Amino acid sequence: MKQQKCDNCAFRSRYDQNPQSILGRIWRWHINWCPGWKKHIASLPDQERNNISQTYSIDK
């Protein structure tokens, strides 16, 4: 099974540094429909998933 690289994503890092940057906004838009991101989030423990949901204002 292929390992997801969502934890080390360069676009995610750009969003963390500056959410208003072009790459940051693209990443934020992308996670709304990305099947890889959805798999990544589903694989996380509940506490970590909740933290990410709050950090990035994601509906659960």
N, C-alpha and C. Protein backbone atom coordinates (compact mmCIF):
# COMPACT_ATOMS: atom_id res chain seq x y z
N MET A 1 0.83 -1.17 0.00
CA MET A 1 0.00 0.00 0.00
C MET A 1 0.88 1.25 0.00
N LYS A 2 0.55 2.20 -0.80
CA LYS A 2 1.33 3.42 -0.93
C LYS A 2 1.15 4.32 0.29
N GLN A 3 2.26 4.83 0.82
CA GLN A 3 2.22 5.72 1.98
C GLN A 3 1.87 7.14 1.54
N GLN A 4 0.96 7.78 2.26
CA GLN A 4 0.58 9.16 1.97
C GLN A 4 1.67 10.10 2.48
N LYS A 5 1.91 11.17 1.74
CA LYS A 5 2.93 12.14 2.11
C LYS A 5 2.31 13.43 2.66
N CYS A 6 1.11 13.35 3.14
CA CYS A 6 0.38 14.54 3.59
C CYS A 6 1.06 15.24 4.76
N ASP A 7 1.71 14.49 5.66
CA ASP A 7 2.39 15.11 6.79
C ASP A 7 3.56 15.98 6.35
N ASN A 8 4.18 15.63 5.24
CA ASN A 8 5.36 16.35 4.77
C ASN A 8 5.12 17.11 3.48
N CYS A 9 3.87 17.40 3.18
CA CYS A 9 3.51 18.08 1.94
C CYS A 9 4.09 19.50 1.90
N ALA A 10 4.76 19.85 0.82
CA ALA A 10 5.33 21.19 0.68
C ALA A 10 4.24 22.26 0.62
N PHE A 11 3.12 21.95 -0.01
CA PHE A 11 2.02 22.92 -0.08
C PHE A 11 1.43 23.15 1.32
N ARG A 12 1.31 22.08 2.08
CA ARG A 12 0.80 22.22 3.46
C ARG A 12 1.75 23.08 4.29
N SER A 13 3.03 22.90 4.09
CA SER A 13 4.02 23.72 4.78
C SER A 13 3.87 25.19 4.40
N ARG A 14 3.63 25.45 3.13
CA ARG A 14 3.41 26.83 2.68
C ARG A 14 2.17 27.42 3.34
N TYR A 15 1.11 26.63 3.45
CA TYR A 15 -0.10 27.10 4.11
C TYR A 15 0.19 27.42 5.57
N ASP A 16 0.95 26.57 6.24
CA ASP A 16 1.28 26.80 7.65
C ASP A 16 2.09 28.08 7.83
N GLN A 17 2.98 28.36 6.88
CA GLN A 17 3.81 29.56 6.95
C GLN A 17 3.02 30.81 6.62
N ASN A 18 2.17 30.72 5.59
CA ASN A 18 1.40 31.88 5.14
C ASN A 18 0.12 31.40 4.46
N PRO A 19 -0.98 31.33 5.20
CA PRO A 19 -2.23 30.82 4.63
C PRO A 19 -2.74 31.62 3.43
N GLN A 20 -2.30 32.85 3.27
CA GLN A 20 -2.77 33.67 2.15
C GLN A 20 -1.91 33.52 0.89
N SER A 21 -0.83 32.73 0.96
CA SER A 21 0.00 32.53 -0.23
C SER A 21 -0.78 31.73 -1.27
N ILE A 22 -0.38 31.86 -2.51
CA ILE A 22 -1.06 31.14 -3.60
C ILE A 22 -1.01 29.64 -3.36
N LEU A 23 0.18 29.10 -3.08
CA LEU A 23 0.30 27.66 -2.86
C LEU A 23 -0.47 27.22 -1.62
N GLY A 24 -0.48 28.04 -0.60
CA GLY A 24 -1.25 27.72 0.60
C GLY A 24 -2.74 27.65 0.32
N ARG A 25 -3.23 28.60 -0.46
CA ARG A 25 -4.66 28.61 -0.79
C ARG A 25 -5.01 27.43 -1.70
N ILE A 26 -4.10 27.08 -2.61
CA ILE A 26 -4.33 25.91 -3.47
C ILE A 26 -4.41 24.65 -2.61
N TRP A 27 -3.49 24.52 -1.65
CA TRP A 27 -3.51 23.35 -0.78
C TRP A 27 -4.82 23.28 0.00
N ARG A 28 -5.26 24.41 0.54
CA ARG A 28 -6.49 24.42 1.34
C ARG A 28 -7.69 24.04 0.49
N TRP A 29 -7.74 24.52 -0.73
CA TRP A 29 -8.82 24.17 -1.65
C TRP A 29 -8.74 22.68 -1.99
N HIS A 30 -7.52 22.21 -2.24
CA HIS A 30 -7.27 20.83 -2.65
C HIS A 30 -7.74 19.81 -1.61
N ILE A 31 -7.54 20.09 -0.33
CA ILE A 31 -7.89 19.10 0.70
C ILE A 31 -9.39 18.89 0.83
N ASN A 32 -10.18 19.77 0.24
CA ASN A 32 -11.64 19.60 0.30
C ASN A 32 -12.11 18.39 -0.50
N TRP A 33 -11.36 17.98 -1.50
CA TRP A 33 -11.80 16.87 -2.35
C TRP A 33 -10.74 15.78 -2.56
N CYS A 34 -9.54 15.96 -2.05
CA CYS A 34 -8.44 15.02 -2.29
C CYS A 34 -8.68 13.67 -1.60
N PRO A 35 -8.75 12.57 -2.37
CA PRO A 35 -8.97 11.26 -1.74
C PRO A 35 -7.79 10.84 -0.87
N GLY A 36 -6.57 11.24 -1.23
CA GLY A 36 -5.40 10.92 -0.41
C GLY A 36 -5.46 11.58 0.95
N TRP A 37 -5.88 12.85 0.97
CA TRP A 37 -6.01 13.58 2.24
C TRP A 37 -7.09 12.93 3.11
N LYS A 38 -8.18 12.53 2.49
CA LYS A 38 -9.27 11.90 3.24
C LYS A 38 -8.81 10.58 3.85
N LYS A 39 -8.01 9.80 3.11
CA LYS A 39 -7.46 8.56 3.65
C LYS A 39 -6.51 8.86 4.80
N HIS A 40 -5.69 9.88 4.61
CA HIS A 40 -4.72 10.27 5.64
C HIS A 40 -5.44 10.65 6.93
N ILE A 41 -6.44 11.49 6.83
CA ILE A 41 -7.19 11.93 8.00
C ILE A 41 -7.89 10.74 8.68
N ALA A 42 -8.46 9.85 7.88
CA ALA A 42 -9.16 8.69 8.43
C ALA A 42 -8.21 7.75 9.16
N SER A 43 -6.93 7.74 8.78
CA SER A 43 -5.96 6.84 9.39
C SER A 43 -5.41 7.36 10.72
N LEU A 44 -5.69 8.62 11.05
CA LEU A 44 -5.14 9.23 12.26
C LEU A 44 -5.99 8.89 13.49
N PRO A 45 -5.36 8.90 14.66
CA PRO A 45 -6.14 8.74 15.90
C PRO A 45 -7.11 9.91 16.07
N ASP A 46 -8.17 9.69 16.81
CA ASP A 46 -9.21 10.71 16.98
C ASP A 46 -8.67 12.05 17.46
N GLN A 47 -7.80 12.04 18.45
CA GLN A 47 -7.28 13.29 19.01
C GLN A 47 -6.52 14.09 17.95
N GLU A 48 -5.66 13.42 17.20
CA GLU A 48 -4.89 14.11 16.16
C GLU A 48 -5.81 14.62 15.05
N ARG A 49 -6.79 13.82 14.69
CA ARG A 49 -7.77 14.22 13.67
C ARG A 49 -8.52 15.48 14.12
N ASN A 50 -8.92 15.52 15.38
CA ASN A 50 -9.61 16.69 15.91
C ASN A 50 -8.71 17.93 15.91
N ASN A 51 -7.44 17.74 16.26
CA ASN A 51 -6.50 18.87 16.23
C ASN A 51 -6.33 19.42 14.83
N ILE A 52 -6.20 18.55 13.85
CA ILE A 52 -6.05 18.99 12.46
C ILE A 52 -7.33 19.67 11.99
N SER A 53 -8.47 19.13 12.35
CA SER A 53 -9.75 19.73 11.97
C SER A 53 -9.87 21.15 12.51
N GLN A 54 -9.45 21.36 13.73
CA GLN A 54 -9.50 22.70 14.32
C GLN A 54 -8.47 23.63 13.69
N THR A 55 -7.27 23.13 13.47
CA THR A 55 -6.20 23.94 12.90
C THR A 55 -6.55 24.46 11.52
N TYR A 56 -7.13 23.60 10.69
CA TYR A 56 -7.42 23.96 9.30
C TYR A 56 -8.90 24.25 9.04
N SER A 57 -9.69 24.34 10.10
CA SER A 57 -11.14 24.63 9.98
C SER A 57 -11.82 23.69 9.01
N ILE A 58 -11.63 22.40 9.25
CA ILE A 58 -12.19 21.37 8.38
C ILE A 58 -13.41 20.77 9.06
N ASP A 59 -14.49 20.59 8.31
CA ASP A 59 -15.65 19.89 8.84
C ASP A 59 -15.30 18.42 8.95
N LYS A 60 -15.77 17.80 10.01
CA LYS A 60 -15.44 16.39 10.23
C LYS A 60 -16.29 15.48 9.41
